[in-house]
Amino acid sequence: MLWRSWEPEAGTPSWDPELAAPVPPAAPLPILKYLWTARKNAVAAFHADVYRQWIVETKHWKLHTFIVNDPAAIRHVLVDNADNYVKGTIEPRIASAVSRTDFIAKNNWRDRRRTMSSALQPRGITGNSSAVLDATQALLERWRALPDGAVIDVSSEMARLTLEIMSAIAFSSDSAGMIPVMEQTLARNQAKPLFDLLDFAPLLDRSWAAFKRRRARRALNRVTAFIHEAIRKRSAGNATYDDLLGRLMRERNAKTRLPLSNEEIQNQIATFIEAGCLSISFALTWTLYLLSQHPAEEARLHAELREVLSGHLPASEDISRLRYTRMVIEEALRLYPPLHTLPWRGALDDDEVSGVRIPKGATITIVPWILHRHEKLWDRPGQFEPSRFSRDCGEGRPGYAYLPFGAGPRGCIGPSFMMVALAQVVAAIAQRYRLRLLPNHPIEVQGLAYLGPRHGLKMTVEKRR
């Protein structure tokens, strides 16, 4: 569907597609309706006023929350006074993925984070770039066998692609066996509601949380068994591996100097693969969706790829010259951030944020989905305009107005890796194919653990001549 807008400075009418996004309620929803809506789609529960206000306070029974949109206030919470804002009481209550919650809850999370961060730096693992290109090349070969105009589910294709990439980085030559094991786990976790109403039930919430932890551990049995078997085989040999598993097996506890336990290694690898797969696959899905809806921007991207790459696949050293490609991805991450809501944070002590008193025990919510569409921070916030990330346009933007990777001590550990991987995949696909949205296919944004299309993304594949 298209709607017409007038841009006086250009002097000519322009056509902008109506992009997929839930219509926000005009007023705050009653608590039960809010919880019922949010558990199925978190981004559909926010009322219209949160996109205009710097701080929105809500009180419901024992839940006292503040949605914070002021960039200066976000910096205060995430960086300047981060020690006062820790994982709140809500987060552990509703979390259901043991691979994620066990890893986050460890007291030595800073040590574990350092290891994971080094693994995701551009030069941290020799095979990072080749893992991306090898998996992407295999995808292109599969598509080449399809007839022109064949229909694919881009969301599923990108999920499979990123699982191949992340598994190769984690296990190098042993990665093939991990793919079918993780595929089922990822699909199950993403399909779950964001939380259950029992998470907030007095007296029952603790028992319910314990049940969910046990259920999550059972669901990860196949993943655990695969990782433990890989550790056993490597421990029995003398080979040295520079993949993530090899690094974790060589790591030592900072205090005891003992090796990591199998459980610690398993938790970190499962977290790495799950978070990486879902973040990258949904970022790719939404980027390809946006390009299909904006022919002018797609044509400019194609022109850059012809000039810079001349037909060859994009190596990591090419990425710095793909400036417009990066702008396209950054704008896609603004409109559709895979991590639509940052982990809730609870205030340990009273504080003041942007002139608003934050009482001890209150929960701070920072929502990139809202922040990236805030009317005071962005012109035409609902429209796809990659040029807003050019150097000239971005100079006056507040530093914490854009948070696709979070920020502060617990921000995303691999933003540089993610941006390089996204650019390589988008450039490789766009060189060879045009993807067009299947007519009448419903596109519904759904915010569960990550932001994805509820009904997938059915598109036709057209070979570029």
Protein backbone atom coordinates (compact mmCIF):
# COMPACT_ATOMS: atom_id res chain seq x y z
CA MET A 1 0.00 0.00 0.00
CA LEU A 2 1.32 3.49 -0.90
CA TRP A 3 0.57 6.89 0.44
CA ARG A 4 1.50 10.24 -1.04
CA SER A 5 3.61 12.82 0.73
CA TRP A 6 4.72 16.30 -0.31
CA GLU A 7 8.25 17.54 0.26
CA PRO A 8 8.36 21.33 -0.27
CA GLU A 9 12.16 21.51 -0.41
CA ALA A 10 12.22 19.02 -3.28
CA GLY A 11 9.27 20.67 -5.01
CA THR A 12 7.93 17.38 -6.31
CA PRO A 13 5.58 14.77 -4.91
CA SER A 14 7.14 11.53 -3.70
CA TRP A 15 5.73 8.12 -2.96
CA ASP A 16 6.56 6.33 0.25
CA PRO A 17 5.48 2.78 1.04
CA GLU A 18 3.45 2.19 4.15
CA LEU A 19 5.83 0.07 6.18
CA ALA A 20 4.79 -2.71 8.53
CA ALA A 21 4.30 -1.53 12.11
CA PRO A 22 1.57 -2.05 14.71
CA VAL A 23 -0.76 0.90 15.25
CA PRO A 24 -0.17 2.07 18.84
CA PRO A 25 -3.20 2.39 21.14
CA ALA A 26 -4.30 6.01 21.61
CA ALA A 27 -4.19 5.68 25.42
CA PRO A 28 -2.45 3.39 27.91
CA LEU A 29 -4.02 -0.05 28.04
CA PRO A 30 -5.49 -1.40 31.30
CA ILE A 31 -2.97 -3.63 33.06
CA LEU A 32 -4.50 -6.99 32.15
CA LYS A 33 -5.01 -6.01 28.53
CA TYR A 34 -1.49 -4.61 28.43
CA LEU A 35 0.01 -7.86 29.73
CA TRP A 36 -2.12 -9.94 27.39
CA THR A 37 -1.08 -7.82 24.39
CA ALA A 38 2.59 -7.58 25.34
CA ARG A 39 3.06 -11.31 25.90
CA LYS A 40 2.14 -11.91 22.25
CA ASN A 41 3.73 -8.78 20.78
CA ALA A 42 5.64 -6.40 23.04
CA VAL A 43 5.85 -3.55 20.51
CA ALA A 44 2.07 -3.52 20.00
CA ALA A 45 1.36 -2.68 23.65
CA PHE A 46 2.99 0.78 23.76
CA HIS A 47 0.53 3.65 23.51
CA ALA A 48 1.02 6.62 21.19
CA ASP A 49 2.24 9.05 23.85
CA VAL A 50 5.46 7.10 24.54
CA TYR A 51 6.70 8.12 21.08
CA ARG A 52 6.48 11.80 22.10
CA GLN A 53 7.56 11.92 25.76
CA TRP A 54 11.06 11.68 27.23
CA ILE A 55 10.02 9.65 30.27
CA VAL A 56 6.75 7.79 30.80
CA GLU A 57 5.90 6.57 34.29
CA THR A 58 3.47 3.71 34.92
CA LYS A 59 2.22 2.26 38.19
CA HIS A 60 0.30 -1.00 38.37
CA TRP A 61 0.05 -2.75 41.74
CA LYS A 62 3.67 -3.66 42.61
CA LEU A 63 4.96 -2.80 39.14
CA HIS A 64 6.45 0.69 39.00
CA THR A 65 8.11 1.30 35.64
CA PHE A 66 9.68 4.16 33.71
CA ILE A 67 10.08 4.05 29.93
CA VAL A 68 13.12 6.26 29.26
CA ASN A 69 13.61 7.91 25.84
CA ASP A 70 15.78 10.92 26.70
CA PRO A 71 19.28 10.13 25.30
CA ALA A 72 20.98 11.91 28.23
CA ALA A 73 18.91 9.89 30.69
CA ILE A 74 19.70 6.66 28.83
CA ARG A 75 23.40 7.40 29.10
CA HIS A 76 22.96 8.03 32.82
CA VAL A 77 21.24 4.65 33.32
CA LEU A 78 23.42 2.54 31.05
CA VAL A 79 26.83 4.15 31.58
CA ASP A 80 27.27 6.95 34.11
CA ASN A 81 25.35 5.30 36.95
CA ALA A 82 25.14 1.76 35.59
CA ASP A 83 25.99 0.17 38.95
CA ASN A 84 22.69 1.45 40.34
CA TYR A 85 20.65 -0.19 37.58
CA VAL A 86 20.90 -3.96 37.51
CA LYS A 87 18.83 -6.75 36.07
CA GLY A 88 15.48 -6.08 37.72
CA THR A 89 13.12 -8.41 39.48
CA ILE A 90 11.00 -8.83 36.34
CA GLU A 91 13.77 -10.15 34.08
CA PRO A 92 14.66 -13.34 36.01
CA ARG A 93 10.97 -13.94 36.65
CA ILE A 94 9.99 -14.20 33.00
CA ALA A 95 13.21 -15.48 31.42
CA SER A 96 12.86 -18.96 29.96
CA ALA A 97 16.00 -19.67 27.93
CA VAL A 98 18.46 -21.27 30.33
CA SER A 99 21.35 -20.77 27.95
CA ARG A 100 20.77 -17.04 28.19
CA THR A 101 19.80 -16.56 31.82
CA ASP A 102 22.47 -18.79 33.34
CA PHE A 103 25.14 -16.99 31.36
CA ILE A 104 23.89 -13.53 32.33
CA ALA A 105 23.39 -14.36 36.00
CA LYS A 106 26.90 -15.59 36.73
CA ASN A 107 28.84 -13.36 39.06
CA ASN A 108 31.90 -13.64 36.80
CA TRP A 109 30.03 -12.42 33.71
CA ARG A 110 32.69 -9.78 33.04
CA ASP A 111 35.37 -12.46 32.59
CA ARG A 112 33.13 -14.51 30.32
CA ARG A 113 32.26 -11.37 28.34
CA ARG A 114 35.93 -10.63 27.67
CA THR A 115 36.41 -14.06 26.10
CA MET A 116 33.29 -13.77 23.97
CA SER A 117 34.18 -10.23 22.89
CA SER A 118 37.65 -11.25 21.72
CA ALA A 119 36.09 -14.05 19.68
CA LEU A 120 33.86 -11.57 17.82
CA GLN A 121 36.39 -8.89 17.02
CA PRO A 122 37.12 -8.62 13.27
CA ARG A 123 40.49 -10.32 13.76
CA GLY A 124 39.49 -12.45 16.76
CA ILE A 125 38.90 -15.62 14.77
CA THR A 126 40.68 -16.10 11.45
CA GLY A 127 37.71 -17.81 9.85
CA ASN A 128 34.98 -15.26 10.70
CA SER A 129 34.88 -13.63 7.30
CA SER A 130 35.33 -16.86 5.40
CA ALA A 131 32.53 -18.47 7.45
CA VAL A 132 30.18 -15.69 6.36
CA LEU A 133 31.18 -15.89 2.71
CA ASP A 134 31.19 -19.69 2.54
CA ALA A 135 27.67 -19.93 3.95
CA THR A 136 26.44 -17.08 1.73
CA GLN A 137 27.98 -18.66 -1.35
CA ALA A 138 26.15 -21.90 -0.55
CA LEU A 139 22.89 -19.94 -0.21
CA LEU A 140 23.42 -18.28 -3.61
CA GLU A 141 24.08 -21.65 -5.19
CA ARG A 142 20.84 -23.04 -3.77
CA TRP A 143 18.92 -20.08 -5.14
CA ARG A 144 20.58 -20.41 -8.55
CA ALA A 145 18.90 -23.78 -8.96
CA LEU A 146 15.48 -22.19 -8.45
CA PRO A 147 13.38 -21.06 -11.44
CA ASP A 148 13.07 -17.30 -11.89
CA GLY A 149 10.15 -16.05 -9.82
CA ALA A 150 10.29 -18.92 -7.33
CA VAL A 151 8.76 -18.12 -3.93
CA ILE A 152 10.90 -18.43 -0.80
CA ASP A 153 10.43 -17.52 2.84
CA VAL A 154 13.27 -15.06 3.33
CA SER A 155 12.93 -15.20 7.10
CA SER A 156 13.55 -18.97 7.09
CA GLU A 157 16.35 -18.65 4.56
CA MET A 158 18.15 -16.04 6.65
CA ALA A 159 17.67 -18.12 9.80
CA ARG A 160 19.32 -21.12 8.15
CA LEU A 161 22.12 -18.97 6.74
CA THR A 162 23.01 -17.35 10.04
CA LEU A 163 22.84 -20.68 11.86
CA GLU A 164 25.41 -22.04 9.42
CA ILE A 165 27.61 -18.98 9.99
CA MET A 166 27.43 -18.99 13.78
CA SER A 167 27.90 -22.76 14.02
CA ALA A 168 31.00 -22.56 11.79
CA ILE A 169 32.47 -19.81 13.98
CA ALA A 170 31.74 -21.83 17.12
CA PHE A 171 32.81 -25.28 15.88
CA SER A 172 34.69 -24.75 12.56
CA SER A 173 34.90 -28.12 10.80
CA ASP A 174 32.60 -29.83 13.33
CA SER A 175 29.71 -27.45 12.77
CA ALA A 176 27.45 -29.50 10.50
CA GLY A 177 26.08 -31.65 13.29
CA MET A 178 25.10 -28.63 15.37
CA ILE A 179 22.82 -27.09 12.73
CA PRO A 180 19.82 -29.46 12.98
CA VAL A 181 20.20 -29.53 16.77
CA MET A 182 20.01 -25.75 17.15
CA GLU A 183 17.46 -25.21 14.37
CA GLN A 184 14.65 -26.75 16.39
CA THR A 185 15.70 -24.99 19.59
CA LEU A 186 15.81 -21.55 17.95
CA ALA A 187 12.41 -21.98 16.30
CA ARG A 188 10.86 -23.07 19.60
CA ASN A 189 12.37 -20.22 21.63
CA GLN A 190 11.38 -17.50 19.16
CA ALA A 191 7.81 -18.78 18.96
CA LYS A 192 7.25 -18.59 22.73
CA PRO A 193 5.26 -15.71 24.22
CA LEU A 194 7.47 -13.06 25.79
CA PHE A 195 6.14 -13.98 29.24
CA ASP A 196 3.29 -15.79 30.93
CA LEU A 197 0.68 -14.26 33.21
CA LEU A 198 1.82 -16.69 35.92
CA ASP A 199 5.14 -14.83 35.95
CA PHE A 200 3.35 -12.09 37.88
CA ALA A 201 1.09 -14.25 40.05
CA PRO A 202 1.64 -13.75 43.80
CA LEU A 203 2.98 -16.86 45.58
CA LEU A 204 3.04 -18.87 42.34
CA ASP A 205 5.66 -16.90 40.43
CA ARG A 206 8.72 -18.54 42.04
CA SER A 207 7.44 -22.07 41.51
CA TRP A 208 6.50 -21.21 37.94
CA ALA A 209 9.95 -19.76 37.26
CA ALA A 210 11.61 -22.92 38.63
CA PHE A 211 9.40 -25.06 36.39
CA LYS A 212 10.35 -22.96 33.33
CA ARG A 213 14.05 -23.34 34.13
CA ARG A 214 13.72 -27.11 34.33
CA ARG A 215 11.72 -27.17 31.10
CA ALA A 216 14.34 -25.06 29.33
CA ARG A 217 17.13 -27.36 30.49
CA ARG A 218 15.28 -30.39 29.14
CA ALA A 219 14.79 -28.61 25.83
CA LEU A 220 18.55 -28.03 25.62
CA ASN A 221 19.49 -31.67 26.22
CA ARG A 222 20.43 -32.30 22.57
CA VAL A 223 22.46 -29.09 22.42
CA THR A 224 24.25 -30.02 25.64
CA ALA A 225 24.99 -33.53 24.43
CA PHE A 226 26.45 -32.27 21.15
CA ILE A 227 28.74 -29.74 22.86
CA HIS A 228 29.88 -32.22 25.50
CA GLU A 229 30.73 -34.78 22.81
CA ALA A 230 32.71 -32.15 20.87
CA ILE A 231 34.64 -31.28 24.04
CA ARG A 232 35.34 -34.96 24.71
CA LYS A 233 36.70 -35.56 21.20
CA ARG A 234 38.92 -32.51 21.29
CA SER A 235 40.20 -33.28 24.77
CA ALA A 236 41.28 -36.71 23.55
CA GLY A 237 43.35 -35.25 20.69
CA ASN A 238 46.28 -32.87 20.33
CA ALA A 239 44.91 -30.51 17.67
CA THR A 240 44.53 -26.78 18.42
CA TYR A 241 41.40 -25.01 17.23
CA ASP A 242 40.98 -21.25 16.83
CA ASP A 243 37.17 -21.37 16.87
CA LEU A 244 35.03 -20.31 19.82
CA LEU A 245 34.93 -23.78 21.36
CA GLY A 246 38.72 -23.98 21.18
CA ARG A 247 39.09 -20.61 22.87
CA LEU A 248 36.69 -21.50 25.66
CA MET A 249 38.44 -24.81 26.27
CA ARG A 250 41.74 -22.94 26.68
CA GLU A 251 40.33 -20.22 28.91
CA ARG A 252 41.05 -20.22 32.63
CA ASN A 253 39.02 -18.76 35.48
CA ALA A 254 40.56 -15.39 36.40
CA LYS A 255 40.66 -16.27 40.13
CA THR A 256 41.15 -20.03 40.36
CA ARG A 257 43.06 -20.48 37.06
CA LEU A 258 41.01 -23.64 36.53
CA PRO A 259 39.52 -24.50 33.12
CA LEU A 260 35.88 -23.69 32.48
CA SER A 261 33.43 -26.46 33.26
CA ASN A 262 31.53 -28.18 30.46
CA GLU A 263 28.37 -26.47 31.68
CA GLU A 264 29.98 -23.02 31.49
CA ILE A 265 31.20 -23.70 27.96
CA GLN A 266 27.81 -25.05 26.93
CA ASN A 267 25.97 -22.00 28.29
CA GLN A 268 28.24 -19.57 26.51
CA ILE A 269 28.14 -21.33 23.15
CA ALA A 270 24.36 -21.78 23.27
CA THR A 271 23.97 -18.08 24.14
CA PHE A 272 26.39 -17.06 21.39
CA ILE A 273 24.62 -19.08 18.70
CA GLU A 274 21.08 -18.22 19.78
CA ALA A 275 21.62 -14.48 20.20
CA GLY A 276 23.78 -14.20 17.10
CA CYS A 277 21.44 -16.20 14.88
CA LEU A 278 18.27 -14.39 15.88
CA SER A 279 19.83 -10.90 15.78
CA ILE A 280 21.55 -11.30 12.42
CA SER A 281 18.81 -13.28 10.70
CA PHE A 282 16.07 -10.80 11.60
CA ALA A 283 18.30 -7.84 10.70
CA LEU A 284 18.85 -9.40 7.26
CA THR A 285 15.16 -10.22 6.87
CA TRP A 286 14.03 -6.66 7.57
CA THR A 287 16.80 -5.15 5.41
CA LEU A 288 15.76 -7.23 2.41
CA TYR A 289 12.11 -6.37 3.04
CA LEU A 290 12.89 -2.64 3.08
CA LEU A 291 14.95 -2.81 -0.11
CA SER A 292 12.11 -4.60 -1.87
CA GLN A 293 9.79 -1.71 -0.99
CA HIS A 294 12.15 1.09 -2.05
CA PRO A 295 13.33 0.76 -5.68
CA ALA A 296 15.28 4.04 -5.68
CA GLU A 297 17.33 3.08 -2.62
CA GLU A 298 17.80 -0.42 -4.01
CA ALA A 299 19.10 1.02 -7.31
CA ARG A 300 21.58 3.23 -5.44
CA LEU A 301 22.78 0.19 -3.52
CA HIS A 302 23.24 -1.77 -6.76
CA ALA A 303 25.23 1.09 -8.25
CA GLU A 304 27.61 1.10 -5.29
CA LEU A 305 28.07 -2.67 -5.47
CA ARG A 306 28.93 -2.49 -9.19
CA GLU A 307 31.48 0.26 -8.56
CA VAL A 308 33.17 -1.25 -5.51
CA LEU A 309 32.93 -5.00 -6.03
CA SER A 310 32.82 -5.39 -9.83
CA GLY A 311 31.00 -8.70 -9.46
CA HIS A 312 33.14 -10.44 -6.85
CA LEU A 313 31.91 -11.47 -3.41
CA PRO A 314 32.56 -8.87 -0.69
CA ALA A 315 35.60 -9.64 1.46
CA SER A 316 35.96 -8.00 4.85
CA GLU A 317 38.43 -5.45 3.42
CA ASP A 318 35.75 -4.24 0.98
CA ILE A 319 33.27 -3.29 3.68
CA SER A 320 34.78 0.12 4.52
CA ARG A 321 34.14 1.22 0.91
CA LEU A 322 30.51 0.07 0.92
CA ARG A 323 29.31 3.26 2.61
CA TYR A 324 25.77 3.30 1.26
CA THR A 325 25.35 -0.41 2.01
CA ARG A 326 26.20 0.35 5.62
CA MET A 327 23.73 3.25 5.68
CA VAL A 328 20.98 0.93 4.40
CA ILE A 329 21.71 -1.56 7.17
CA GLU A 330 21.88 1.11 9.86
CA GLU A 331 18.52 2.49 8.78
CA ALA A 332 17.02 -1.01 8.74
CA LEU A 333 18.30 -1.53 12.29
CA ARG A 334 16.68 1.76 13.28
CA LEU A 335 13.27 0.84 11.91
CA TYR A 336 13.36 -2.81 12.93
CA PRO A 337 15.89 -3.40 15.73
CA PRO A 338 16.04 -7.17 16.36
CA LEU A 339 16.51 -6.51 20.09
CA HIS A 340 13.43 -4.32 20.36
CA THR A 341 13.60 -3.91 24.16
CA LEU A 342 16.74 -3.86 26.30
CA PRO A 343 16.77 -6.01 29.45
CA TRP A 344 14.78 -4.40 32.26
CA ARG A 345 16.83 -2.73 34.96
CA GLY A 346 15.92 -2.29 38.60
CA ALA A 347 17.06 0.73 40.65
CA LEU A 348 19.09 -0.33 43.71
CA ASP A 349 18.79 3.14 45.27
CA ASP A 350 16.79 6.31 44.76
CA ASP A 351 18.01 8.37 41.83
CA GLU A 352 17.01 11.28 39.62
CA VAL A 353 16.90 11.02 35.84
CA SER A 354 16.19 14.09 33.71
CA GLY A 355 14.52 15.76 36.67
CA VAL A 356 12.33 12.73 37.42
CA ARG A 357 12.71 10.90 40.73
CA ILE A 358 13.38 7.19 40.32
CA PRO A 359 12.54 5.38 43.57
CA LYS A 360 14.47 2.37 44.80
CA GLY A 361 13.03 -0.83 43.34
CA ALA A 362 11.49 0.81 40.26
CA THR A 363 12.08 -0.73 36.85
CA ILE A 364 13.71 1.18 34.00
CA THR A 365 12.70 0.17 30.48
CA ILE A 366 14.68 1.29 27.44
CA VAL A 367 13.00 0.32 24.17
CA PRO A 368 14.96 0.79 20.92
CA TRP A 369 11.72 0.23 19.00
CA ILE A 370 10.30 3.39 20.60
CA LEU A 371 13.57 5.31 20.77
CA HIS A 372 14.23 4.82 17.04
CA ARG A 373 10.76 6.12 16.16
CA HIS A 374 10.60 8.95 18.68
CA GLU A 375 9.11 12.11 17.19
CA LYS A 376 11.55 14.42 18.99
CA LEU A 377 14.63 12.56 17.78
CA TRP A 378 13.89 11.69 14.14
CA ASP A 379 12.31 13.43 11.17
CA ARG A 380 9.72 11.24 9.44
CA PRO A 381 10.57 8.45 11.89
CA GLY A 382 8.40 5.83 10.19
CA GLN A 383 10.09 6.16 6.79
CA PHE A 384 13.10 4.36 5.34
CA GLU A 385 15.75 7.01 4.62
CA PRO A 386 19.30 5.59 4.63
CA SER A 387 20.75 9.06 3.98
CA ARG A 388 19.98 10.02 7.59
CA PHE A 389 23.08 7.94 8.47
CA SER A 390 25.40 9.87 6.19
CA ARG A 391 28.17 11.76 7.94
CA ASP A 392 26.53 15.14 7.42
CA CYS A 393 23.11 14.09 8.72
CA GLY A 394 24.40 12.21 11.72
CA GLU A 395 26.62 14.92 13.22
CA GLY A 396 23.94 16.59 15.34
CA ARG A 397 22.23 13.41 16.55
CA PRO A 398 22.45 12.63 20.29
CA GLY A 399 24.74 9.70 21.00
CA TYR A 400 22.12 7.55 22.73
CA ALA A 401 19.27 8.14 20.28
CA TYR A 402 20.26 5.01 18.35
CA LEU A 403 20.79 1.75 20.22
CA PRO A 404 20.50 -1.28 17.92
CA PHE A 405 23.22 -2.99 19.96
CA GLY A 406 22.42 -1.58 23.39
CA ALA A 407 25.14 0.29 25.29
CA GLY A 408 27.15 0.23 28.48
CA PRO A 409 28.73 -2.75 30.24
CA ARG A 410 26.07 -5.17 29.05
CA GLY A 411 25.70 -3.93 25.48
CA CYS A 412 26.09 -6.26 22.50
CA ILE A 413 29.54 -7.87 22.52
CA GLY A 414 29.94 -8.04 18.75
CA PRO A 415 28.58 -4.96 16.93
CA SER A 416 31.57 -4.69 14.58
CA PHE A 417 31.32 -8.37 13.66
CA MET A 418 27.58 -8.07 13.15
CA MET A 419 27.87 -5.03 10.87
CA VAL A 420 30.56 -6.67 8.74
CA ALA A 421 28.55 -9.88 8.46
CA LEU A 422 25.36 -8.00 7.56
CA ALA A 423 27.16 -5.96 4.90
CA GLN A 424 28.77 -9.05 3.38
CA VAL A 425 25.48 -10.95 3.13
CA VAL A 426 23.39 -8.02 1.87
CA ALA A 427 26.01 -7.11 -0.74
CA ALA A 428 26.40 -10.70 -1.94
CA ILE A 429 22.64 -11.25 -2.29
CA ALA A 430 21.90 -7.85 -3.87
CA GLN A 431 24.58 -8.38 -6.52
CA ARG A 432 22.91 -11.51 -7.82
CA TYR A 433 19.19 -11.24 -6.98
CA ARG A 434 16.20 -8.97 -6.58
CA LEU A 435 13.68 -10.04 -4.00
CA ARG A 436 10.07 -8.95 -4.35
CA LEU A 437 7.37 -9.25 -1.70
CA LEU A 438 4.72 -11.78 -2.66
CA PRO A 439 1.48 -9.88 -3.40
CA ASN A 440 -1.03 -9.96 -0.54
CA HIS A 441 1.44 -11.66 1.81
CA PRO A 442 0.72 -10.24 5.30
CA ILE A 443 3.66 -8.51 6.98
CA GLU A 444 3.05 -8.24 10.70
CA VAL A 445 5.77 -7.06 13.07
CA GLN A 446 5.96 -9.27 16.16
CA GLY A 447 8.10 -8.48 19.18
CA LEU A 448 8.78 -11.65 21.13
CA ALA A 449 12.32 -12.40 22.32
CA TYR A 450 13.41 -10.68 19.08
CA LEU A 451 11.62 -8.62 16.46
CA GLY A 452 10.50 -10.74 13.54
CA PRO A 453 7.67 -11.06 10.98
CA ARG A 454 4.85 -13.12 12.49
CA HIS A 455 3.96 -14.81 9.19
CA GLY A 456 7.46 -15.02 7.76
CA LEU A 457 8.51 -13.06 4.68
CA LYS A 458 7.37 -14.68 1.41
CA MET A 459 9.23 -13.20 -1.57
CA THR A 460 9.95 -14.07 -5.20
CA VAL A 461 13.54 -14.54 -6.31
CA GLU A 462 14.57 -12.77 -9.53
CA LYS A 463 18.06 -13.18 -10.98
CA ARG A 464 19.72 -9.89 -11.84
CA ARG A 465 20.83 -9.67 -15.46
